[in-house]
C-alpha atoms as a PDB file:
ATOM      1  CA  UNK A   1    -239.784 -82.722 -40.688  1.00  0.00           C
ATOM      2  CA  UNK A   2    -241.850 -81.415 -43.551  1.00  0.00           C
ATOM      3  CA  UNK A   3    -241.220 -77.756 -44.563  1.00  0.00           C
ATOM      4  CA  UNK A   4    -244.564 -76.134 -45.381  1.00  0.00           C
ATOM      5  CA  UNK A   5    -245.126 -73.516 -48.339  1.00  0.00           C
ATOM      6  CA  UNK A   6    -245.772 -70.806 -45.612  1.00  0.00           C
ATOM      7  CA  UNK A   7    -242.377 -71.181 -43.985  1.00  0.00           C
ATOM      8  CA  UNK A   8    -240.582 -70.867 -47.683  1.00  0.00           C
ATOM      9  CA  UNK A   9    -242.799 -67.877 -48.105  1.00  0.00           C
ATOM     10  CA  UNK A  10    -241.486 -66.409 -44.883  1.00  0.00           C
ATOM     11  CA  UNK A  11    -237.915 -67.196 -45.785  1.00  0.00           C
ATOM     12  CA  UNK A  12    -238.435 -66.125 -49.067  1.00  0.00           C
ATOM     13  CA  UNK A  13    -239.968 -62.796 -47.827  1.00  0.00           C
ATOM     14  CA  UNK A  14    -237.060 -62.160 -45.160  1.00  0.00           C
ATOM     15  CA  UNK A  15    -234.670 -62.947 -48.172  1.00  0.00           C
ATOM     16  CA  UNK A  16    -236.233 -60.391 -50.355  1.00  0.00           C
ATOM     17  CA  UNK A  17    -237.152 -62.878 -52.839  1.00  0.00           C
ATOM     18  CA  UNK A  18    -240.137 -63.182 -55.040  1.00  0.00           C
ATOM     19  CA  UNK A  19    -241.126 -66.754 -55.550  1.00  0.00           C
ATOM     20  CA  UNK A  20    -243.951 -68.170 -57.500  1.00  0.00           C
ATOM     21  CA  UNK A  21    -246.165 -70.743 -55.872  1.00  0.00           C
ATOM     22  CA  UNK A  22    -244.780 -73.265 -58.103  1.00  0.00           C
ATOM     23  CA  UNK A  23    -241.281 -72.426 -57.021  1.00  0.00           C
ATOM     24  CA  UNK A  24    -242.616 -72.219 -53.370  1.00  0.00           C
ATOM     25  CA  UNK A  25    -243.895 -76.053 -53.533  1.00  0.00           C
ATOM     26  CA  UNK A  26    -240.688 -77.006 -55.331  1.00  0.00           C
ATOM     27  CA  UNK A  27    -238.322 -75.577 -52.938  1.00  0.00           C
ATOM     28  CA  UNK A  28    -240.889 -76.798 -49.947  1.00  0.00           C
ATOM     29  CA  UNK A  29    -240.343 -80.383 -51.223  1.00  0.00           C
ATOM     30  CA  UNK A  30    -236.575 -80.029 -51.821  1.00  0.00           C
ATOM     31  CA  UNK A  31    -235.872 -78.675 -48.277  1.00  0.00           C
ATOM     32  CA  UNK A  32    -237.839 -81.313 -46.694  1.00  0.00           C
ATOM     33  CA  UNK A  33    -236.064 -84.186 -48.439  1.00  0.00           C
ATOM     34  CA  UNK A  34    -232.564 -82.114 -47.375  1.00  0.00           C
ATOM     35  CA  UNK A  35    -233.846 -81.981 -43.612  1.00  0.00           C
ATOM     36  CA  UNK A  36    -234.934 -85.691 -43.813  1.00  0.00           C
ATOM     37  CA  UNK A  37    -231.191 -86.753 -45.125  1.00  0.00           C
ATOM     38  CA  UNK A  38    -230.072 -84.877 -42.016  1.00  0.00           C
ATOM     39  CA  UNK A  39    -232.233 -86.512 -39.625  1.00  0.00           C
ATOM     40  CA  UNK A  40    -230.970 -89.864 -41.004  1.00  0.00           C
ATOM     41  CA  UNK A  41    -227.528 -88.730 -39.470  1.00  0.00           C
ATOM     42  CA  UNK A  42    -228.992 -88.547 -36.049  1.00  0.00           C
ATOM     43  CA  UNK A  43    -229.691 -92.604 -36.073  1.00  0.00           C
ATOM     44  CA  UNK A  44    -225.976 -93.185 -36.743  1.00  0.00           C
ATOM     45  CA  UNK A  45    -224.208 -94.439 -33.451  1.00  0.00           C
ATOM     46  CA  UNK A  46    -221.222 -92.047 -32.973  1.00  0.00           C
ATOM     47  CA  UNK A  47    -220.403 -93.267 -29.523  1.00  0.00           C
ATOM     48  CA  UNK A  48    -216.907 -94.973 -30.242  1.00  0.00           C
ATOM     49  CA  UNK A  49    -215.881 -92.038 -32.489  1.00  0.00           C
ATOM     50  CA  UNK A  50    -213.382 -89.693 -31.056  1.00  0.00           C
ATOM     51  CA  UNK A  51    -214.226 -86.023 -31.632  1.00  0.00           C
ATOM     52  CA  UNK A  52    -211.328 -84.326 -33.961  1.00  0.00           C
ATOM     53  CA  UNK A  53    -210.803 -80.981 -35.470  1.00  0.00           C
ATOM     54  CA  UNK A  54    -209.570 -82.486 -38.886  1.00  0.00           C
ATOM     55  CA  UNK A  55    -210.263 -85.783 -40.706  1.00  0.00           C
ATOM     56  CA  UNK A  56    -206.668 -86.292 -41.909  1.00  0.00           C
ATOM     57  CA  UNK A  57    -203.638 -85.513 -39.235  1.00  0.00           C
ATOM     58  CA  UNK A  58    -202.538 -82.166 -39.696  1.00  0.00           C
ATOM     59  CA  UNK A  59    -198.815 -81.075 -39.539  1.00  0.00           C
ATOM     60  CA  UNK A  60    -197.236 -77.549 -39.726  1.00  0.00           C
ATOM     61  CA  UNK A  61    -196.493 -77.478 -43.600  1.00  0.00           C
ATOM     62  CA  UNK A  62    -194.967 -74.226 -43.464  1.00  0.00           C
ATOM     63  CA  UNK A  63    -191.130 -73.637 -44.181  1.00  0.00           C
ATOM     64  CA  UNK A  64    -188.602 -72.298 -42.030  1.00  0.00           C
ATOM     65  CA  UNK A  65    -187.908 -68.563 -42.868  1.00  0.00           C
ATOM     66  CA  UNK A  66    -184.503 -68.205 -44.953  1.00  0.00           C
ATOM     67  CA  UNK A  67    -182.888 -65.165 -45.953  1.00  0.00           C
ATOM     68  CA  UNK A  68    -182.153 -65.460 -49.658  1.00  0.00           C
ATOM     69  CA  UNK A  69    -180.783 -63.293 -52.390  1.00  0.00           C
ATOM     70  CA  UNK A  70    -183.462 -61.248 -54.129  1.00  0.00           C
ATOM     71  CA  UNK A  71    -183.525 -59.732 -57.624  1.00  0.00           C
ATOM     72  CA  UNK A  72    -181.958 -56.156 -57.901  1.00  0.00           C
ATOM     73  CA  UNK A  73    -183.978 -52.957 -58.477  1.00  0.00           C
ATOM     74  CA  UNK A  74    -183.147 -52.780 -62.222  1.00  0.00           C
ATOM     75  CA  UNK A  75    -184.353 -56.407 -62.688  1.00  0.00           C
ATOM     76  CA  UNK A  76    -187.591 -55.781 -60.592  1.00  0.00           C
ATOM     77  CA  UNK A  77    -188.319 -52.686 -62.926  1.00  0.00           C
ATOM     78  CA  UNK A  78    -187.222 -53.762 -66.004  1.00  0.00           C
ATOM     79  CA  UNK A  79    -190.790 -55.182 -66.967  1.00  0.00           C
ATOM     80  CA  UNK A  80    -192.397 -52.315 -65.767  1.00  0.00           C
ATOM     81  CA  UNK A  81    -194.721 -50.715 -68.059  1.00  0.00           C
ATOM     82  CA  UNK A  82    -194.119 -47.021 -66.805  1.00  0.00           C
ATOM     83  CA  UNK A  83    -191.632 -45.910 -64.207  1.00  0.00           C
ATOM     84  CA  UNK A  84    -190.083 -42.983 -62.773  1.00  0.00           C
ATOM     85  CA  UNK A  85    -186.801 -43.301 -61.341  1.00  0.00           C
ATOM     86  CA  UNK A  86    -186.402 -46.313 -59.000  1.00  0.00           C
ATOM     87  CA  UNK A  87    -190.326 -46.575 -58.499  1.00  0.00           C
ATOM     88  CA  UNK A  88    -193.369 -47.963 -60.609  1.00  0.00           C
ATOM     89  CA  UNK A  89    -195.414 -45.341 -61.997  1.00  0.00           C
ATOM     90  CA  UNK A  90    -199.184 -45.745 -62.101  1.00  0.00           C
ATOM     91  CA  UNK A  91    -202.360 -43.771 -62.856  1.00  0.00           C
ATOM     92  CA  UNK A  92    -203.802 -41.455 -60.308  1.00  0.00           C
ATOM     93  CA  UNK A  93    -206.946 -42.913 -59.025  1.00  0.00           C
ATOM     94  CA  UNK A  94    -207.755 -40.323 -56.364  1.00  0.00           C
ATOM     95  CA  UNK A  95    -208.094 -36.530 -56.063  1.00  0.00           C
END
């Protein structure tokens, strides 16, 4: 399938791109070659290939939830640039 310069111009218009004539010719050529590569995939016999969702076997990689001790409030606030009591103090960003 060959992509015409008119088709490239139409897509450029829809995408609100301004292209020179040289760019339109270049993109028409490049897009045509890309589509030819995809057309080659049509010729591959895939009748004996099972459809799959992933190329590799997928297993659940999530760990079990476990309760573990956490840092204390003082340890968490120790490196805070500014704090007010037991809270992080941040600059006001709204009115």
